[in-house]
Amino acid sequence: MKIIIRIIKDKDRISGGLADKLKGSMEEKHQQLADMHGVTLDEIEEELALGIEIELEHTDDEDIAHEIAMDHIFEDAEYYTKLSQAELEEAKKKKRKKKKDACYKKVKARYKIWPSAYASGALVKCRKVGAKNWGNKSKKKKKKGKK
């Protein structure tokens, strides 16, 4: 699969990047990156396409996005693949975090030692009666005839 990366100018727009060490046309620079990392030109171009897409979130200029992507790929041929995977993992972690129910919050606030057997029992009782009703003293009805 051949990915075409459109570059308007062959000169640097941002000086001082790591990819500035590469010489020649953009195609030659891409090939140098591939050779440097021991991967194919197609793999570098796929990574560049992903990198440009990500960098365009921060700039409207495709040339600058390309240059930033080249600098990152100079360091690591799979920079943007790893970045995408890390973002997916972070999203999964956030999704996995369960929201605490009202009983959990109410019982945890009351018990100094958490977790404990007492707190666990209270949490079960709270969930049975509901957070609104838990912790409220109920008035017991007195039977007539007994004091």
C-alpha atoms as a PDB file:
ATOM      1  CA  MET A   1       0.000   0.000   0.000  1.00  0.00           C
ATOM      2  CA  LYS A   2       1.640   3.205  -1.161  1.00  0.00           C
ATOM      3  CA  ILE A   3       0.851   6.310   0.830  1.00  0.00           C
ATOM      4  CA  ILE A   4       1.556   9.581  -0.894  1.00  0.00           C
ATOM      5  CA  ILE A   5       2.694  12.375   1.338  1.00  0.00           C
ATOM      6  CA  ARG A   6       2.305  15.794  -0.235  1.00  0.00           C
ATOM      7  CA  ILE A   7       5.082  18.190   0.660  1.00  0.00           C
ATOM      8  CA  ILE A   8       4.962  21.616  -0.910  1.00  0.00           C
ATOM      9  CA  LYS A   9       8.517  22.729  -0.084  1.00  0.00           C
ATOM     10  CA  ASP A  10      11.686  20.695   0.382  1.00  0.00           C
ATOM     11  CA  LYS A  11      13.244  23.122   2.840  1.00  0.00           C
ATOM     12  CA  ASP A  12      12.993  23.231   6.627  1.00  0.00           C
ATOM     13  CA  ARG A  13      10.357  25.464   8.177  1.00  0.00           C
ATOM     14  CA  ILE A  14      11.470  24.668  11.743  1.00  0.00           C
ATOM     15  CA  SER A  15      15.199  24.641  12.355  1.00  0.00           C
ATOM     16  CA  GLY A  16      16.951  22.509  14.932  1.00  0.00           C
ATOM     17  CA  GLY A  17      14.922  19.312  14.612  1.00  0.00           C
ATOM     18  CA  LEU A  18      16.536  15.888  14.684  1.00  0.00           C
ATOM     19  CA  ALA A  19      15.490  15.174  11.103  1.00  0.00           C
ATOM     20  CA  ASP A  20      17.590  18.162   9.979  1.00  0.00           C
ATOM     21  CA  LYS A  21      20.522  15.739  10.023  1.00  0.00           C
ATOM     22  CA  LEU A  22      19.024  13.951   7.018  1.00  0.00           C
ATOM     23  CA  LYS A  23      20.132  15.232   3.605  1.00  0.00           C
ATOM     24  CA  GLY A  24      18.534  15.218   0.158  1.00  0.00           C
ATOM     25  CA  SER A  25      14.969  15.399  -1.116  1.00  0.00           C
ATOM     26  CA  MET A  26      12.008  14.349   1.015  1.00  0.00           C
ATOM     27  CA  GLU A  27      11.906  10.930  -0.656  1.00  0.00           C
ATOM     28  CA  GLU A  28      15.610  10.479   0.097  1.00  0.00           C
ATOM     29  CA  LYS A  29      15.065  11.567   3.710  1.00  0.00           C
ATOM     30  CA  HIS A  30      12.238   9.049   4.061  1.00  0.00           C
ATOM     31  CA  GLN A  31      14.506   6.333   2.673  1.00  0.00           C
ATOM     32  CA  GLN A  32      17.279   7.363   5.087  1.00  0.00           C
ATOM     33  CA  LEU A  33      14.834   7.025   7.992  1.00  0.00           C
ATOM     34  CA  ALA A  34      13.802   3.573   6.766  1.00  0.00           C
ATOM     35  CA  ASP A  35      17.425   2.483   6.458  1.00  0.00           C
ATOM     36  CA  MET A  36      18.329   3.967   9.840  1.00  0.00           C
ATOM     37  CA  HIS A  37      15.565   2.006  11.613  1.00  0.00           C
ATOM     38  CA  GLY A  38      15.805  -1.145   9.506  1.00  0.00           C
ATOM     39  CA  VAL A  39      12.234  -0.943   8.205  1.00  0.00           C
ATOM     40  CA  THR A  40      10.699  -0.554   4.773  1.00  0.00           C
ATOM     41  CA  LEU A  41       9.948   2.755   3.107  1.00  0.00           C
ATOM     42  CA  ASP A  42       6.243   1.852   3.165  1.00  0.00           C
ATOM     43  CA  GLU A  43       6.351   1.467   6.951  1.00  0.00           C
ATOM     44  CA  ILE A  44       7.988   4.881   7.338  1.00  0.00           C
ATOM     45  CA  GLU A  45       5.433   6.477   5.021  1.00  0.00           C
ATOM     46  CA  GLU A  46       2.526   4.878   6.915  1.00  0.00           C
ATOM     47  CA  GLU A  47       3.964   6.157  10.195  1.00  0.00           C
ATOM     48  CA  LEU A  48       4.463   9.598   8.639  1.00  0.00           C
ATOM     49  CA  ALA A  49       0.865   9.674   7.433  1.00  0.00           C
ATOM     50  CA  LEU A  50      -0.321   8.819  10.956  1.00  0.00           C
ATOM     51  CA  GLY A  51       2.079  11.380  12.401  1.00  0.00           C
ATOM     52  CA  ILE A  52       0.958  14.153  10.071  1.00  0.00           C
ATOM     53  CA  GLU A  53      -2.671  13.425  10.918  1.00  0.00           C
ATOM     54  CA  ILE A  54      -1.903  13.665  14.640  1.00  0.00           C
ATOM     55  CA  GLU A  55       0.272  16.776  14.318  1.00  0.00           C
ATOM     56  CA  LEU A  56      -2.427  18.530  12.273  1.00  0.00           C
ATOM     57  CA  GLU A  57      -4.421  18.620  15.511  1.00  0.00           C
ATOM     58  CA  HIS A  58      -1.864  21.210  16.679  1.00  0.00           C
ATOM     59  CA  THR A  59      -1.155  23.140  13.486  1.00  0.00           C
ATOM     60  CA  ASP A  60      -2.926  23.944  10.231  1.00  0.00           C
ATOM     61  CA  ASP A  61       0.285  23.780   8.185  1.00  0.00           C
ATOM     62  CA  GLU A  62       0.950  20.376   6.599  1.00  0.00           C
ATOM     63  CA  ASP A  63       4.637  21.179   6.071  1.00  0.00           C
ATOM     64  CA  ILE A  64       5.157  21.915   9.753  1.00  0.00           C
ATOM     65  CA  ALA A  65       3.175  18.799  10.725  1.00  0.00           C
ATOM     66  CA  HIS A  66       5.374  16.743   8.381  1.00  0.00           C
ATOM     67  CA  GLU A  67       8.542  18.220   9.815  1.00  0.00           C
ATOM     68  CA  ILE A  68       7.483  17.526  13.413  1.00  0.00           C
ATOM     69  CA  ALA A  69       6.498  13.974  12.459  1.00  0.00           C
ATOM     70  CA  MET A  70       9.896  13.457  10.798  1.00  0.00           C
ATOM     71  CA  ASP A  71      11.653  14.582  14.004  1.00  0.00           C
ATOM     72  CA  HIS A  72       9.635  12.132  16.124  1.00  0.00           C
ATOM     73  CA  ILE A  73      10.126   9.264  13.681  1.00  0.00           C
ATOM     74  CA  PHE A  74      13.849  10.027  13.612  1.00  0.00           C
ATOM     75  CA  GLU A  75      13.884   9.042  17.291  1.00  0.00           C
ATOM     76  CA  ASP A  76      11.540   6.043  16.992  1.00  0.00           C
ATOM     77  CA  ALA A  77      10.186   4.460  13.813  1.00  0.00           C
ATOM     78  CA  GLU A  78       6.966   3.500  15.630  1.00  0.00           C
ATOM     79  CA  TYR A  79       6.497   6.737  17.583  1.00  0.00           C
ATOM     80  CA  TYR A  80       2.932   7.454  16.455  1.00  0.00           C
ATOM     81  CA  THR A  81       1.822   3.825  16.601  1.00  0.00           C
ATOM     82  CA  LYS A  82       2.998   3.666  20.214  1.00  0.00           C
ATOM     83  CA  LEU A  83       1.357   7.022  20.947  1.00  0.00           C
ATOM     84  CA  SER A  84      -1.965   5.770  19.576  1.00  0.00           C
ATOM     85  CA  GLN A  85      -1.724   2.573  21.622  1.00  0.00           C
ATOM     86  CA  ALA A  86      -0.951   4.554  24.788  1.00  0.00           C
ATOM     87  CA  GLU A  87      -3.986   6.769  24.172  1.00  0.00           C
ATOM     88  CA  LEU A  88      -6.186   3.689  23.718  1.00  0.00           C
ATOM     89  CA  GLU A  89      -4.878   2.184  26.970  1.00  0.00           C
ATOM     90  CA  GLU A  90      -5.576   5.428  28.806  1.00  0.00           C
ATOM     91  CA  ALA A  91      -9.118   5.513  27.432  1.00  0.00           C
ATOM     92  CA  LYS A  92      -9.649   1.909  28.561  1.00  0.00           C
ATOM     93  CA  LYS A  93      -8.424   2.731  32.077  1.00  0.00           C
ATOM     94  CA  LYS A  94     -10.808   5.661  32.348  1.00  0.00           C
ATOM     95  CA  LYS A  95     -13.665   3.515  31.111  1.00  0.00           C
ATOM     96  CA  ARG A  96     -12.823   0.770  33.617  1.00  0.00           C
ATOM     97  CA  LYS A  97     -13.036   3.098  36.588  1.00  0.00           C
ATOM     98  CA  LYS A  98     -16.393   2.447  38.171  1.00  0.00           C
ATOM     99  CA  LYS A  99     -18.403   5.278  39.564  1.00  0.00           C
ATOM    100  CA  LYS A 100     -18.980   4.956  43.278  1.00  0.00           C
ATOM    101  CA  ASP A 101     -22.613   4.814  44.345  1.00  0.00           C
ATOM    102  CA  ALA A 102     -24.155   6.999  47.048  1.00  0.00           C
ATOM    103  CA  CYS A 103     -23.973   4.224  49.663  1.00  0.00           C
ATOM    104  CA  TYR A 104     -20.260   3.763  49.068  1.00  0.00           C
ATOM    105  CA  LYS A 105     -19.621   7.467  49.583  1.00  0.00           C
ATOM    106  CA  LYS A 106     -21.879   7.739  52.609  1.00  0.00           C
ATOM    107  CA  VAL A 107     -20.498   4.659  54.408  1.00  0.00           C
ATOM    108  CA  LYS A 108     -16.875   5.498  53.618  1.00  0.00           C
ATOM    109  CA  ALA A 109     -17.347   8.983  55.060  1.00  0.00           C
ATOM    110  CA  ARG A 110     -18.670   7.540  58.335  1.00  0.00           C
ATOM    111  CA  TYR A 111     -16.053   4.812  58.969  1.00  0.00           C
ATOM    112  CA  LYS A 112     -12.495   5.802  59.831  1.00  0.00           C
ATOM    113  CA  ILE A 113     -11.027   2.404  58.985  1.00  0.00           C
ATOM    114  CA  TRP A 114     -11.658   1.505  55.365  1.00  0.00           C
ATOM    115  CA  PRO A 115     -11.976  -1.262  54.308  1.00  0.00           C
ATOM    116  CA  SER A 116     -13.097  -3.117  57.384  1.00  0.00           C
ATOM    117  CA  ALA A 117     -15.627  -5.794  58.236  1.00  0.00           C
ATOM    118  CA  TYR A 118     -17.839  -3.213  59.948  1.00  0.00           C
ATOM    119  CA  ALA A 119     -17.746  -0.881  56.972  1.00  0.00           C
ATOM    120  CA  SER A 120     -18.470  -3.775  54.616  1.00  0.00           C
ATOM    121  CA  GLY A 121     -21.500  -4.787  56.638  1.00  0.00           C
ATOM    122  CA  ALA A 122     -22.725  -1.209  56.709  1.00  0.00           C
ATOM    123  CA  LEU A 123     -22.294  -0.932  52.951  1.00  0.00           C
ATOM    124  CA  VAL A 124     -24.428  -4.045  52.418  1.00  0.00           C
ATOM    125  CA  LYS A 125     -27.128  -2.727  54.758  1.00  0.00           C
ATOM    126  CA  CYS A 126     -27.088   0.666  53.057  1.00  0.00           C
ATOM    127  CA  ARG A 127     -27.553  -0.908  49.657  1.00  0.00           C
ATOM    128  CA  LYS A 128     -30.497  -2.922  50.986  1.00  0.00           C
ATOM    129  CA  VAL A 129     -32.400   0.073  52.350  1.00  0.00           C
ATOM    130  CA  GLY A 130     -31.057   2.741  50.008  1.00  0.00           C
ATOM    131  CA  ALA A 131     -28.713   5.639  50.667  1.00  0.00           C
ATOM    132  CA  LYS A 132     -31.534   8.025  51.546  1.00  0.00           C
ATOM    133  CA  ASN A 133     -32.801   5.736  54.307  1.00  0.00           C
ATOM    134  CA  TRP A 134     -29.503   4.371  55.635  1.00  0.00           C
ATOM    135  CA  GLY A 135     -28.257   5.927  58.832  1.00  0.00           C
ATOM    136  CA  ASN A 136     -31.605   7.428  59.776  1.00  0.00           C
ATOM    137  CA  LYS A 137     -32.935   6.118  63.048  1.00  0.00           C
ATOM    138  CA  SER A 138     -36.306   4.492  62.697  1.00  0.00           C
ATOM    139  CA  LYS A 139     -38.885   4.917  65.412  1.00  0.00           C
ATOM    140  CA  LYS A 140     -40.095   1.617  66.810  1.00  0.00           C
ATOM    141  CA  LYS A 141     -43.760   1.316  67.589  1.00  0.00           C
ATOM    142  CA  LYS A 142     -44.564   0.536  71.209  1.00  0.00           C
ATOM    143  CA  LYS A 143     -47.021  -2.247  71.884  1.00  0.00           C
ATOM    144  CA  LYS A 144     -49.976  -1.306  74.041  1.00  0.00           C
ATOM    145  CA  GLY A 145     -50.108  -2.832  77.463  1.00  0.00           C
ATOM    146  CA  LYS A 146     -46.332  -3.010  78.009  1.00  0.00           C
ATOM    147  CA  LYS A 147     -44.168  -0.399  79.532  1.00  0.00           C
END
